[in-house]
Amino acid sequence: GPGYSLDLGLSEYALKTSTPQFKQPGLGSWSADLNCYANVTMARDKSISMKITKPIPEGVRLKAEFLDENTVTLTDGSFTL
């Protein structure tokens, strides 16, 4: 619910932008828009965080893919809630 934060063990270090790049497979068909429930941000070190902004109702499915062949991404597979 609101107030929870998730720090991902991801870093899109090669991006020149300060906005994380991710895809949302199934958006509009079987999954809802992650941006409706969370703020996804990138720190100066290019690490990615999500802060939940409103409750996610039961039955709502979300999916985001940060790893992409066109984006240079580092990950150690970790996360911190």
Protein backbone atom coordinates (compact mmCIF):
# COMPACT_ATOMS: atom_id res chain seq x y z
CA GLY A 1 0.00 0.00 0.00
CA PRO A 2 0.94 3.66 0.06
CA GLY A 3 4.15 4.54 1.81
CA TYR A 4 6.05 1.40 0.84
CA SER A 5 9.21 1.80 -1.18
CA LEU A 6 11.09 -0.78 -3.18
CA ASP A 7 14.73 -0.25 -4.11
CA LEU A 8 15.68 -2.54 -6.96
CA GLY A 9 19.12 -4.02 -7.44
CA LEU A 10 19.11 -2.48 -10.91
CA SER A 11 21.17 0.28 -12.46
CA GLU A 12 20.61 1.58 -15.99
CA TYR A 13 24.04 3.19 -15.91
CA ALA A 14 24.38 3.88 -19.64
CA LEU A 15 21.22 6.00 -19.97
CA LYS A 16 21.73 9.71 -20.55
CA THR A 17 18.23 10.44 -19.21
CA SER A 18 17.23 10.48 -15.56
CA THR A 19 14.03 8.53 -16.27
CA PRO A 20 14.07 4.73 -15.87
CA GLN A 21 13.29 2.82 -19.04
CA PHE A 22 10.92 -0.13 -18.75
CA LYS A 23 8.28 -2.00 -20.71
CA GLN A 24 4.89 -3.09 -19.44
CA PRO A 25 3.88 -6.27 -21.29
CA GLY A 26 0.13 -6.87 -21.29
CA LEU A 27 -0.64 -3.22 -20.56
CA GLY A 28 -4.31 -2.62 -21.23
CA SER A 29 -5.14 -6.27 -21.82
CA TRP A 30 -4.23 -8.24 -18.68
CA SER A 31 -2.12 -5.81 -16.68
CA ALA A 32 -2.69 -2.32 -15.28
CA ASP A 33 -0.36 0.64 -15.63
CA LEU A 34 2.36 0.55 -12.96
CA ASN A 35 2.51 4.34 -13.10
CA CYS A 36 -1.05 4.52 -11.72
CA TYR A 37 0.11 2.90 -8.47
CA ALA A 38 3.78 3.80 -8.11
CA ASN A 39 6.38 6.45 -8.85
CA VAL A 40 9.36 4.85 -10.55
CA THR A 41 12.46 7.01 -10.21
CA MET A 42 16.17 6.93 -10.95
CA ALA A 43 18.83 8.32 -8.62
CA ARG A 44 21.99 10.08 -9.74
CA ASP A 45 23.86 6.78 -9.55
CA LYS A 46 21.23 5.39 -12.00
CA SER A 47 19.75 3.00 -9.42
CA ILE A 48 15.99 2.48 -9.70
CA SER A 49 13.38 2.83 -6.95
CA MET A 50 9.61 2.46 -6.79
CA LYS A 51 7.40 4.16 -4.23
CA ILE A 52 3.81 2.90 -3.97
CA THR A 53 1.45 5.88 -4.10
CA LYS A 54 -1.94 4.20 -3.65
CA PRO A 55 -3.32 0.78 -2.70
CA ILE A 56 -3.23 -1.88 -5.40
CA PRO A 57 -6.68 -3.49 -5.43
CA GLU A 58 -7.07 -7.24 -5.21
CA GLY A 59 -7.00 -8.78 -8.67
CA VAL A 60 -4.94 -5.98 -10.27
CA ARG A 61 -1.88 -7.34 -12.02
CA LEU A 62 1.24 -5.33 -12.77
CA LYS A 63 4.29 -6.22 -14.80
CA ALA A 64 7.37 -4.18 -15.64
CA GLU A 65 10.46 -5.35 -17.48
CA PHE A 66 13.55 -3.26 -16.85
CA LEU A 67 16.06 -5.55 -18.55
CA ASP A 68 16.14 -4.86 -22.28
CA GLU A 69 18.58 -5.68 -25.04
CA ASN A 70 18.68 -1.98 -25.99
CA THR A 71 19.41 -0.73 -22.46
CA VAL A 72 22.66 -1.38 -20.66
CA THR A 73 21.48 -2.57 -17.25
CA LEU A 74 23.33 -3.99 -14.27
CA THR A 75 21.55 -6.13 -11.71
CA ASP A 76 22.49 -8.22 -8.75
CA GLY A 77 18.94 -9.57 -8.42
CA SER A 78 18.38 -7.89 -5.06
CA PHE A 79 15.65 -5.62 -3.77
CA THR A 80 14.95 -3.78 -0.54
CA LEU A 81 11.41 -3.17 0.72
